[in-house]
Amino acid sequence: MIMGFKNKTTATLLASLGGSLGLHRFYLIGARRLWPWLYPLFAWTLVPTFAGFIEALRFALTPDQKWDAKWNAESSTTNHSGWLVIIVAALTLFGSMVLFMTLISFALGRYFGAGESFVSQLAILHIV
């Protein structure tokens, strides 16, 4: 099987933005395997989303030589990732923390009974 060149920055960006749908796995290993199809199947659980964030950080932190040895062994082209992959990794880390803190906040609010609606709060204050 002839594999094309796999760009590390592209894979990192796909994992960061489309990790819940497994876009990075489709890019790296193709649609003929089962693994990429599990991501959209379980996207409703948010597990693939966090897995995509973790994989984006893992891809970004992998040295170019090691990346090329794994994904571009048959290609004569090599990766020369620069600051763009670091920026994508930083934004991925920020986005994953925002999502994680939002989920924690929502879960604690639901658990401790702070789930009243905004309109009911206004009605209590006699604004509506």
N, C-alpha and C. Protein backbone atom coordinates (compact mmCIF):
# COMPACT_ATOMS: atom_id res chain seq x y z
N MET A 1 0.84 -1.18 0.00
CA MET A 1 0.00 0.00 0.00
C MET A 1 0.88 1.24 0.00
N ILE A 2 0.67 2.13 -0.93
CA ILE A 2 1.45 3.36 -1.02
C ILE A 2 0.76 4.44 -0.21
N MET A 3 1.46 4.96 0.75
CA MET A 3 0.91 6.02 1.59
C MET A 3 1.48 7.34 1.14
N GLY A 4 0.65 8.37 1.16
CA GLY A 4 1.12 9.70 0.83
C GLY A 4 1.77 10.36 2.02
N PHE A 5 2.26 11.55 1.80
CA PHE A 5 2.89 12.33 2.86
C PHE A 5 1.85 12.74 3.88
N LYS A 6 2.13 12.55 5.15
CA LYS A 6 1.24 12.93 6.25
C LYS A 6 1.85 14.10 7.01
N ASN A 7 1.24 15.26 6.86
CA ASN A 7 1.72 16.48 7.49
C ASN A 7 1.34 16.49 8.97
N LYS A 8 2.30 16.73 9.82
CA LYS A 8 2.07 16.73 11.27
C LYS A 8 1.16 17.87 11.69
N THR A 9 1.33 19.05 11.11
CA THR A 9 0.51 20.20 11.46
C THR A 9 -0.94 19.97 11.05
N THR A 10 -1.16 19.39 9.88
CA THR A 10 -2.51 19.09 9.43
C THR A 10 -3.18 18.07 10.34
N ALA A 11 -2.45 17.03 10.71
CA ALA A 11 -3.01 16.02 11.61
C ALA A 11 -3.33 16.61 12.97
N THR A 12 -2.47 17.50 13.46
CA THR A 12 -2.73 18.16 14.75
C THR A 12 -3.96 19.03 14.68
N LEU A 13 -4.09 19.80 13.61
CA LEU A 13 -5.26 20.67 13.44
C LEU A 13 -6.54 19.86 13.30
N LEU A 14 -6.50 18.78 12.55
CA LEU A 14 -7.68 17.92 12.40
C LEU A 14 -8.06 17.27 13.72
N ALA A 15 -7.07 16.86 14.50
CA ALA A 15 -7.36 16.25 15.81
C ALA A 15 -7.95 17.28 16.76
N SER A 16 -7.47 18.50 16.69
CA SER A 16 -7.96 19.55 17.58
C SER A 16 -9.37 19.97 17.24
N LEU A 17 -9.62 20.24 15.96
CA LEU A 17 -10.92 20.78 15.55
C LEU A 17 -11.95 19.70 15.22
N GLY A 18 -11.49 18.58 14.69
CA GLY A 18 -12.41 17.53 14.28
C GLY A 18 -12.18 16.22 14.98
N GLY A 19 -11.60 16.28 16.17
CA GLY A 19 -11.29 15.06 16.91
C GLY A 19 -12.52 14.27 17.31
N SER A 20 -13.63 14.95 17.57
CA SER A 20 -14.84 14.24 17.96
C SER A 20 -15.41 13.42 16.80
N LEU A 21 -15.07 13.78 15.57
CA LEU A 21 -15.52 13.02 14.40
C LEU A 21 -14.43 12.10 13.87
N GLY A 22 -13.25 12.15 14.45
CA GLY A 22 -12.16 11.28 14.03
C GLY A 22 -11.51 11.69 12.72
N LEU A 23 -11.60 12.97 12.37
CA LEU A 23 -11.04 13.43 11.10
C LEU A 23 -9.55 13.15 10.99
N HIS A 24 -8.83 13.26 12.10
CA HIS A 24 -7.39 13.00 12.08
C HIS A 24 -7.10 11.53 11.79
N ARG A 25 -7.95 10.63 12.29
CA ARG A 25 -7.76 9.20 12.03
C ARG A 25 -8.08 8.86 10.58
N PHE A 26 -9.10 9.51 10.03
CA PHE A 26 -9.39 9.30 8.61
C PHE A 26 -8.22 9.80 7.76
N TYR A 27 -7.62 10.91 8.18
CA TYR A 27 -6.48 11.47 7.45
C TYR A 27 -5.26 10.55 7.54
N LEU A 28 -5.02 10.00 8.72
CA LEU A 28 -3.81 9.21 8.93
C LEU A 28 -3.92 7.76 8.45
N ILE A 29 -5.03 7.08 8.76
CA ILE A 29 -5.10 5.65 8.43
C ILE A 29 -6.18 5.31 7.42
N GLY A 30 -7.02 6.26 7.06
CA GLY A 30 -8.01 6.01 6.02
C GLY A 30 -9.32 5.48 6.55
N ALA A 31 -10.28 5.37 5.64
CA ALA A 31 -11.64 4.98 6.01
C ALA A 31 -11.87 3.48 5.97
N ARG A 32 -10.87 2.71 5.58
CA ARG A 32 -11.06 1.27 5.47
C ARG A 32 -10.88 0.52 6.77
N ARG A 33 -10.45 1.20 7.80
CA ARG A 33 -10.27 0.58 9.12
C ARG A 33 -11.45 0.93 10.01
N LEU A 34 -11.62 0.18 11.08
CA LEU A 34 -12.73 0.39 12.02
C LEU A 34 -12.49 1.57 12.95
N TRP A 35 -11.24 1.78 13.36
CA TRP A 35 -10.90 2.78 14.38
C TRP A 35 -11.45 4.19 14.08
N PRO A 36 -11.30 4.74 12.87
CA PRO A 36 -11.83 6.09 12.63
C PRO A 36 -13.35 6.16 12.72
N TRP A 37 -14.04 5.09 12.42
CA TRP A 37 -15.50 5.11 12.46
C TRP A 37 -16.06 5.08 13.88
N LEU A 38 -15.26 4.69 14.86
CA LEU A 38 -15.73 4.67 16.24
C LEU A 38 -15.88 6.08 16.82
N TYR A 39 -15.10 7.03 16.30
CA TYR A 39 -15.18 8.40 16.80
C TYR A 39 -16.55 9.02 16.57
N PRO A 40 -17.07 9.07 15.33
CA PRO A 40 -18.40 9.67 15.16
C PRO A 40 -19.51 8.84 15.79
N LEU A 41 -19.30 7.53 15.91
CA LEU A 41 -20.31 6.67 16.51
C LEU A 41 -20.54 7.01 17.98
N PHE A 42 -19.44 7.36 18.68
CA PHE A 42 -19.54 7.68 20.11
C PHE A 42 -19.35 9.16 20.41
N ALA A 43 -19.51 10.01 19.42
CA ALA A 43 -19.29 11.45 19.61
C ALA A 43 -20.24 12.05 20.65
N TRP A 44 -21.40 11.49 20.81
CA TRP A 44 -22.37 12.01 21.77
C TRP A 44 -21.88 11.88 23.21
N THR A 45 -20.90 11.03 23.47
CA THR A 45 -20.39 10.83 24.83
C THR A 45 -19.30 11.85 25.20
N LEU A 46 -18.80 12.60 24.24
CA LEU A 46 -17.70 13.55 24.39
C LEU A 46 -16.35 12.88 24.66
N VAL A 47 -16.32 11.57 24.75
CA VAL A 47 -15.04 10.87 24.91
C VAL A 47 -14.15 11.07 23.69
N PRO A 48 -14.69 10.94 22.45
CA PRO A 48 -13.84 11.20 21.28
C PRO A 48 -13.34 12.64 21.21
N THR A 49 -14.11 13.57 21.74
CA THR A 49 -13.67 14.97 21.75
C THR A 49 -12.43 15.13 22.60
N PHE A 50 -12.46 14.61 23.81
CA PHE A 50 -11.30 14.71 24.68
C PHE A 50 -10.14 13.85 24.16
N ALA A 51 -10.45 12.72 23.53
CA ALA A 51 -9.40 11.90 22.92
C ALA A 51 -8.74 12.68 21.78
N GLY A 52 -9.52 13.41 21.02
CA GLY A 52 -8.96 14.23 19.94
C GLY A 52 -8.05 15.32 20.48
N PHE A 53 -8.45 15.94 21.59
CA PHE A 53 -7.60 16.96 22.22
C PHE A 53 -6.27 16.36 22.67
N ILE A 54 -6.34 15.20 23.30
CA ILE A 54 -5.13 14.55 23.79
C ILE A 54 -4.24 14.13 22.61
N GLU A 55 -4.85 13.59 21.57
CA GLU A 55 -4.06 13.19 20.40
C GLU A 55 -3.46 14.39 19.69
N ALA A 56 -4.17 15.52 19.66
CA ALA A 56 -3.61 16.73 19.04
C ALA A 56 -2.37 17.18 19.80
N LEU A 57 -2.43 17.15 21.12
CA LEU A 57 -1.26 17.52 21.92
C LEU A 57 -0.13 16.51 21.73
N ARG A 58 -0.47 15.24 21.64
CA ARG A 58 0.54 14.21 21.41
C ARG A 58 1.20 14.37 20.04
N PHE A 59 0.40 14.65 19.02
CA PHE A 59 0.96 14.88 17.69
C PHE A 59 1.88 16.08 17.67
N ALA A 60 1.44 17.18 18.32
CA ALA A 60 2.22 18.41 18.31
C ALA A 60 3.56 18.24 19.02
N LEU A 61 3.58 17.43 20.06
CA LEU A 61 4.80 17.26 20.85
C LEU A 61 5.72 16.17 20.32
N THR A 62 5.27 15.44 19.32
CA THR A 62 6.12 14.41 18.71
C THR A 62 7.19 15.08 17.85
N PRO A 63 8.46 14.74 18.04
CA PRO A 63 9.50 15.31 17.18
C PRO A 63 9.27 14.95 15.71
N ASP A 64 9.68 15.84 14.83
CA ASP A 64 9.47 15.64 13.40
C ASP A 64 10.10 14.34 12.90
N GLN A 65 11.28 14.01 13.38
CA GLN A 65 11.96 12.80 12.93
C GLN A 65 11.17 11.55 13.32
N LYS A 66 10.65 11.54 14.53
CA LYS A 66 9.87 10.39 14.99
C LYS A 66 8.54 10.31 14.22
N TRP A 67 7.92 11.46 13.95
CA TRP A 67 6.69 11.50 13.17
C TRP A 67 6.92 10.93 11.77
N ASP A 68 8.00 11.39 11.14
CA ASP A 68 8.31 10.94 9.79
C ASP A 68 8.64 9.44 9.76
N ALA A 69 9.29 8.94 10.80
CA ALA A 69 9.60 7.52 10.85
C ALA A 69 8.33 6.67 10.93
N LYS A 70 7.32 7.19 11.60
CA LYS A 70 6.08 6.42 11.76
C LYS A 70 5.14 6.60 10.57
N TRP A 71 4.88 7.85 10.17
CA TRP A 71 3.84 8.13 9.18
C TRP A 71 4.38 8.37 7.76
N ASN A 72 5.64 8.71 7.61
CA ASN A 72 6.19 9.03 6.30
C ASN A 72 7.41 8.19 5.96
N ALA A 73 7.40 6.94 6.37
CA ALA A 73 8.55 6.08 6.13
C ALA A 73 8.80 5.85 4.65
N GLU A 74 7.73 5.80 3.86
CA GLU A 74 7.85 5.53 2.43
C GLU A 74 7.94 6.81 1.60
N SER A 75 7.84 7.95 2.23
CA SER A 75 7.84 9.23 1.51
C SER A 75 9.23 9.86 1.58
N SER A 76 9.58 10.56 0.52
CA SER A 76 10.87 11.25 0.53
C SER A 76 10.77 12.64 1.16
N THR A 77 9.55 13.12 1.36
CA THR A 77 9.33 14.43 1.97
C THR A 77 9.33 14.29 3.49
N THR A 78 9.86 15.29 4.18
CA THR A 78 9.88 15.27 5.64
C THR A 78 9.15 16.50 6.19
N ASN A 79 8.74 16.39 7.42
CA ASN A 79 8.05 17.49 8.10
C ASN A 79 9.06 18.51 8.62
N HIS A 80 8.69 19.76 8.53
CA HIS A 80 9.45 20.85 9.13
C HIS A 80 8.45 21.74 9.86
N SER A 81 7.86 21.21 10.91
CA SER A 81 6.85 21.97 11.64
C SER A 81 7.52 23.09 12.41
N GLY A 82 6.86 24.20 12.42
CA GLY A 82 7.40 25.37 13.09
C GLY A 82 6.47 25.84 14.18
N TRP A 83 6.27 27.13 14.22
CA TRP A 83 5.46 27.73 15.28
C TRP A 83 3.97 27.44 15.14
N LEU A 84 3.52 27.16 13.92
CA LEU A 84 2.09 26.92 13.72
C LEU A 84 1.61 25.73 14.53
N VAL A 85 2.37 24.66 14.58
CA VAL A 85 1.96 23.48 15.34
C VAL A 85 1.97 23.78 16.85
N ILE A 86 2.86 24.65 17.30
CA ILE A 86 2.88 25.04 18.72
C ILE A 86 1.67 25.91 19.05
N ILE A 87 1.30 26.80 18.14
CA ILE A 87 0.12 27.64 18.34
C ILE A 87 -1.14 26.78 18.37
N VAL A 88 -1.22 25.81 17.47
CA VAL A 88 -2.37 24.89 17.46
C VAL A 88 -2.42 24.10 18.76
N ALA A 89 -1.28 23.67 19.26
CA ALA A 89 -1.25 22.93 20.53
C ALA A 89 -1.70 23.81 21.70
N ALA A 90 -1.26 25.06 21.72
CA ALA A 90 -1.67 25.97 22.79
C ALA A 90 -3.17 26.24 22.74
N LEU A 91 -3.70 26.47 21.55
CA LEU A 91 -5.14 26.70 21.42
C LEU A 91 -5.94 25.45 21.75
N THR A 92 -5.40 24.29 21.43
CA THR A 92 -6.04 23.03 21.79
C THR A 92 -6.10 22.87 23.30
N LEU A 93 -5.01 23.17 23.96
CA LEU A 93 -4.99 23.08 25.42
C LEU A 93 -5.99 24.04 26.04
N PHE A 94 -6.04 25.26 25.52
CA PHE A 94 -6.99 26.25 26.02
C PHE A 94 -8.43 25.79 25.78
N GLY A 95 -8.72 25.33 24.57
CA GLY A 95 -10.08 24.89 24.24
C GLY A 95 -10.52 23.69 25.06
N SER A 96 -9.62 22.77 25.28
CA SER A 96 -9.98 21.59 26.07
C SER A 96 -10.24 21.95 27.52
N MET A 97 -9.48 22.89 28.06
CA MET A 97 -9.72 23.32 29.44
C MET A 97 -11.04 24.08 29.57
N VAL A 98 -11.38 24.90 28.57
CA VAL A 98 -12.66 25.61 28.59
C VAL A 98 -13.81 24.62 28.56
N LEU A 99 -13.74 23.62 27.68
CA LEU A 99 -14.79 22.61 27.60
C LEU A 99 -14.87 21.80 28.89
N PHE A 100 -13.74 21.41 29.43
CA PHE A 100 -13.73 20.63 30.66
C PHE A 100 -14.32 21.43 31.83
N MET A 101 -13.94 22.69 31.97
CA MET A 101 -14.47 23.50 33.06
C MET A 101 -15.96 23.79 32.88
N THR A 102 -16.41 23.93 31.64
CA THR A 102 -17.83 24.12 31.38
C THR A 102 -18.62 22.90 31.80
N LEU A 103 -18.12 21.72 31.47
CA LEU A 103 -18.80 20.49 31.86
C LEU A 103 -18.82 20.30 33.37
N ILE A 104 -17.71 20.61 34.02
CA ILE A 104 -17.66 20.52 35.49
C ILE A 104 -18.65 21.49 36.11
N SER A 105 -18.68 22.72 35.61
CA SER A 105 -19.60 23.73 36.13
C SER A 105 -21.05 23.31 35.95
N PHE A 106 -21.37 22.81 34.77
CA PHE A 106 -22.74 22.36 34.51
C PHE A 106 -23.11 21.19 35.41
N ALA A 107 -22.20 20.23 35.55
CA ALA A 107 -22.49 19.06 36.38
C ALA A 107 -22.68 19.43 37.84
N LEU A 108 -21.82 20.30 38.36
CA LEU A 108 -21.96 20.72 39.76
C LEU A 108 -23.22 21.54 39.96
N GLY A 109 -23.55 22.37 39.00
CA GLY A 109 -24.79 23.15 39.09
C GLY A 109 -26.01 22.27 39.09
N ARG A 110 -26.02 21.23 38.27
CA ARG A 110 -27.16 20.31 38.24
C ARG A 110 -27.22 19.48 39.53
N TYR A 111 -26.06 19.10 40.05
CA TYR A 111 -26.03 18.27 41.25
C TYR A 111 -26.49 19.05 42.48
N PHE A 112 -26.06 20.29 42.60
CA PHE A 112 -26.40 21.08 43.77
C PHE A 112 -27.67 21.91 43.59
N GLY A 113 -28.42 21.69 42.52
CA GLY A 113 -29.72 22.32 42.37
C GLY A 113 -29.71 23.74 41.86
N ALA A 114 -28.67 24.14 41.20
CA ALA A 114 -28.62 25.50 40.67
C ALA A 114 -29.11 25.53 39.22
N GLY A 115 -29.98 24.60 38.86
CA GLY A 115 -30.43 24.49 37.48
C GLY A 115 -31.68 25.28 37.17
N GLU A 116 -32.08 26.21 38.05
CA GLU A 116 -33.26 27.00 37.77
C GLU A 116 -33.03 27.86 36.55
N SER A 117 -34.10 28.12 35.84
CA SER A 117 -33.96 28.91 34.62
C SER A 117 -33.85 30.39 34.95
N PHE A 118 -33.33 31.12 33.99
CA PHE A 118 -33.15 32.56 34.13
C PHE A 118 -34.50 33.25 34.27
N VAL A 119 -35.50 32.80 33.55
CA VAL A 119 -36.82 33.43 33.61
C VAL A 119 -37.45 33.23 34.98
N SER A 120 -37.29 32.04 35.57
CA SER A 120 -37.85 31.82 36.91
C SER A 120 -37.16 32.69 37.95
N GLN A 121 -35.88 32.97 37.76
CA GLN A 121 -35.17 33.86 38.68
C GLN A 121 -35.70 35.29 38.55
N LEU A 122 -36.01 35.70 37.33
CA LEU A 122 -36.58 37.04 37.12
C LEU A 122 -37.98 37.14 37.71
N ALA A 123 -38.74 36.04 37.65
CA ALA A 123 -40.07 36.05 38.22
C ALA A 123 -40.02 36.18 39.73
N ILE A 124 -39.01 35.58 40.35
CA ILE A 124 -38.85 35.71 41.79
C ILE A 124 -38.55 37.15 42.17
N LEU A 125 -37.79 37.83 41.33
CA LEU A 125 -37.44 39.23 41.58
C LEU A 125 -38.54 40.19 41.14
N HIS A 126 -39.66 39.69 40.62
CA HIS A 126 -40.79 40.48 40.15
C HIS A 126 -40.42 41.40 39.00
N ILE A 127 -39.50 40.96 38.16
CA ILE A 127 -39.12 41.75 36.98
C ILE A 127 -40.01 41.37 35.81
N VAL A 128 -40.43 40.11 35.75
CA VAL A 128 -41.28 39.65 34.64
C VAL A 128 -42.71 39.66 35.05
